[in-house]
Amino acid sequence: MTITKTVTENLANLALDGELDSLASTDLEAAMEECIGQNLSVCLDCAKVPFVSSAGLRVLLCAYKKIAKYGELTLVNITEDVHTIMFLSGFTKILRIK
């Protein structure tokens, strides 16, 4: 997975490219922890993410809990397949998805 980070004021935009599986989840977790350390809200652009595994969902949930203390975690441009995964796992009720 490739993660492209752009920061504007108190918001980090992370554009993801590739499957969010167990291997890629460690990269995303590191990028998210860096944002959390700077108290940045995070917007994940998932237009190029065809699949999210349970490991990826864990990273999103952990990041959401930490970011919710001071800001927002938002997912944008999610594919239909990823939306289905989010819906079936209950994440559409937890995460802000645009």
C-alpha atoms as a PDB file:
ATOM      1  CA  MET A   1       0.000   0.000   0.000  1.00  0.00           C
ATOM      2  CA  THR A   2       1.089   3.512  -0.788  1.00  0.00           C
ATOM      3  CA  ILE A   3       0.104   6.313   1.595  1.00  0.00           C
ATOM      4  CA  THR A   4       0.353   9.917   0.432  1.00  0.00           C
ATOM      5  CA  LYS A   5       0.055  12.445   3.256  1.00  0.00           C
ATOM      6  CA  THR A   6      -0.901  16.103   2.921  1.00  0.00           C
ATOM      7  CA  VAL A   7      -1.324  18.320   5.982  1.00  0.00           C
ATOM      8  CA  THR A   8      -3.294  21.574   6.075  1.00  0.00           C
ATOM      9  CA  GLU A   9      -3.689  23.356   9.414  1.00  0.00           C
ATOM     10  CA  ASN A  10      -5.132  20.716  11.775  1.00  0.00           C
ATOM     11  CA  LEU A  11      -6.142  18.135   9.130  1.00  0.00           C
ATOM     12  CA  ALA A  12      -4.096  15.316   7.630  1.00  0.00           C
ATOM     13  CA  ASN A  13      -5.325  13.960   4.300  1.00  0.00           C
ATOM     14  CA  LEU A  14      -4.067  10.442   3.683  1.00  0.00           C
ATOM     15  CA  ALA A  15      -4.613   9.058   0.182  1.00  0.00           C
ATOM     16  CA  LEU A  16      -4.436   5.262   0.276  1.00  0.00           C
ATOM     17  CA  ASP A  17      -3.569   3.126  -2.741  1.00  0.00           C
ATOM     18  CA  GLY A  18      -3.815  -0.657  -2.399  1.00  0.00           C
ATOM     19  CA  GLU A  19      -5.435  -3.289  -0.226  1.00  0.00           C
ATOM     20  CA  LEU A  20      -5.690  -2.542   3.472  1.00  0.00           C
ATOM     21  CA  ASP A  21      -4.673  -6.006   4.638  1.00  0.00           C
ATOM     22  CA  SER A  22      -2.531  -7.244   7.528  1.00  0.00           C
ATOM     23  CA  LEU A  23       0.706  -6.148   5.855  1.00  0.00           C
ATOM     24  CA  ALA A  24      -0.520  -2.692   4.891  1.00  0.00           C
ATOM     25  CA  SER A  25      -2.262  -2.111   8.205  1.00  0.00           C
ATOM     26  CA  THR A  26       1.072  -1.658   9.970  1.00  0.00           C
ATOM     27  CA  ASP A  27       1.995   1.138   7.534  1.00  0.00           C
ATOM     28  CA  LEU A  28      -1.368   2.832   8.024  1.00  0.00           C
ATOM     29  CA  GLU A  29      -1.109   2.438  11.791  1.00  0.00           C
ATOM     30  CA  ALA A  30       2.285   4.192  11.774  1.00  0.00           C
ATOM     31  CA  ALA A  31       0.947   7.033   9.613  1.00  0.00           C
ATOM     32  CA  MET A  32      -2.125   7.407  11.831  1.00  0.00           C
ATOM     33  CA  GLU A  33      -0.032   7.411  15.037  1.00  0.00           C
ATOM     34  CA  GLU A  34       2.068  10.223  13.581  1.00  0.00           C
ATOM     35  CA  CYS A  35      -1.114  12.236  12.948  1.00  0.00           C
ATOM     36  CA  ILE A  36      -2.464  11.417  16.403  1.00  0.00           C
ATOM     37  CA  GLY A  37       0.814  12.569  17.957  1.00  0.00           C
ATOM     38  CA  GLN A  38       0.255  15.950  16.299  1.00  0.00           C
ATOM     39  CA  ASN A  39      -3.450  16.098  17.310  1.00  0.00           C
ATOM     40  CA  LEU A  40      -4.548  16.174  13.672  1.00  0.00           C
ATOM     41  CA  SER A  41      -7.969  15.183  12.421  1.00  0.00           C
ATOM     42  CA  VAL A  42      -7.602  12.626   9.624  1.00  0.00           C
ATOM     43  CA  CYS A  43      -9.342  12.251   6.286  1.00  0.00           C
ATOM     44  CA  LEU A  44      -8.662   8.940   4.530  1.00  0.00           C
ATOM     45  CA  ASP A  45      -9.177   8.966   0.761  1.00  0.00           C
ATOM     46  CA  CYS A  46     -10.056   5.354  -0.030  1.00  0.00           C
ATOM     47  CA  ALA A  47     -10.778   5.719  -3.763  1.00  0.00           C
ATOM     48  CA  LYS A  48      -7.980   3.249  -4.593  1.00  0.00           C
ATOM     49  CA  VAL A  49      -8.643   0.775  -1.777  1.00  0.00           C
ATOM     50  CA  PRO A  50     -10.360  -2.342  -3.168  1.00  0.00           C
ATOM     51  CA  PHE A  51     -10.368  -4.363   0.086  1.00  0.00           C
ATOM     52  CA  VAL A  52     -10.149  -3.911   3.871  1.00  0.00           C
ATOM     53  CA  SER A  53      -9.293  -6.881   6.095  1.00  0.00           C
ATOM     54  CA  SER A  54     -10.046  -7.309   9.789  1.00  0.00           C
ATOM     55  CA  ALA A  55      -6.542  -6.018  10.556  1.00  0.00           C
ATOM     56  CA  GLY A  56      -7.354  -2.851   8.628  1.00  0.00           C
ATOM     57  CA  LEU A  57     -10.632  -2.472  10.497  1.00  0.00           C
ATOM     58  CA  ARG A  58      -8.752  -2.788  13.795  1.00  0.00           C
ATOM     59  CA  VAL A  59      -6.407   0.060  12.810  1.00  0.00           C
ATOM     60  CA  LEU A  60      -9.369   2.246  11.846  1.00  0.00           C
ATOM     61  CA  LEU A  61     -11.196   1.534  15.111  1.00  0.00           C
ATOM     62  CA  CYS A  62      -8.142   2.189  17.285  1.00  0.00           C
ATOM     63  CA  ALA A  63      -7.377   5.422  15.434  1.00  0.00           C
ATOM     64  CA  TYR A  64     -11.015   6.515  15.656  1.00  0.00           C
ATOM     65  CA  LYS A  65     -11.019   6.085  19.442  1.00  0.00           C
ATOM     66  CA  LYS A  66      -7.854   8.168  19.843  1.00  0.00           C
ATOM     67  CA  ILE A  67      -8.801  10.889  17.352  1.00  0.00           C
ATOM     68  CA  ALA A  68     -12.339  11.245  18.750  1.00  0.00           C
ATOM     69  CA  LYS A  69     -10.836  12.811  21.888  1.00  0.00           C
ATOM     70  CA  TYR A  70      -9.837  15.936  19.947  1.00  0.00           C
ATOM     71  CA  GLY A  71     -11.002  15.706  16.302  1.00  0.00           C
ATOM     72  CA  GLU A  72     -12.538  13.572  13.565  1.00  0.00           C
ATOM     73  CA  LEU A  73     -11.639  10.571  11.442  1.00  0.00           C
ATOM     74  CA  THR A  74     -13.396  10.685   8.074  1.00  0.00           C
ATOM     75  CA  LEU A  75     -13.332   8.223   5.177  1.00  0.00           C
ATOM     76  CA  VAL A  76     -14.061   9.564   1.696  1.00  0.00           C
ATOM     77  CA  ASN A  77     -14.419   8.064  -1.768  1.00  0.00           C
ATOM     78  CA  ILE A  78     -14.860   4.502  -0.527  1.00  0.00           C
ATOM     79  CA  THR A  79     -15.595   1.887  -3.139  1.00  0.00           C
ATOM     80  CA  GLU A  80     -18.781  -0.160  -3.152  1.00  0.00           C
ATOM     81  CA  ASP A  81     -16.903  -3.270  -1.979  1.00  0.00           C
ATOM     82  CA  VAL A  82     -15.288  -1.421   0.927  1.00  0.00           C
ATOM     83  CA  HIS A  83     -18.637   0.156   1.829  1.00  0.00           C
ATOM     84  CA  THR A  84     -20.138  -3.334   1.989  1.00  0.00           C
ATOM     85  CA  ILE A  85     -17.354  -4.454   4.344  1.00  0.00           C
ATOM     86  CA  MET A  86     -17.886  -1.360   6.507  1.00  0.00           C
ATOM     87  CA  PHE A  87     -21.651  -1.897   6.571  1.00  0.00           C
ATOM     88  CA  LEU A  88     -21.488  -5.608   7.421  1.00  0.00           C
ATOM     89  CA  SER A  89     -18.965  -4.998  10.200  1.00  0.00           C
ATOM     90  CA  GLY A  90     -21.014  -2.150  11.690  1.00  0.00           C
ATOM     91  CA  PHE A  91     -18.405   0.500  10.940  1.00  0.00           C
ATOM     92  CA  THR A  92     -20.883   2.678   9.037  1.00  0.00           C
ATOM     93  CA  LYS A  93     -22.510   3.360  12.414  1.00  0.00           C
ATOM     94  CA  ILE A  94     -19.186   4.326  14.009  1.00  0.00           C
ATOM     95  CA  LEU A  95     -17.080   6.078  11.387  1.00  0.00           C
ATOM     96  CA  ARG A  96     -17.863   9.220   9.451  1.00  0.00           C
ATOM     97  CA  ILE A  97     -18.063   8.104   5.810  1.00  0.00           C
ATOM     98  CA  LYS A  98     -18.651  10.543   2.978  1.00  0.00           C
END
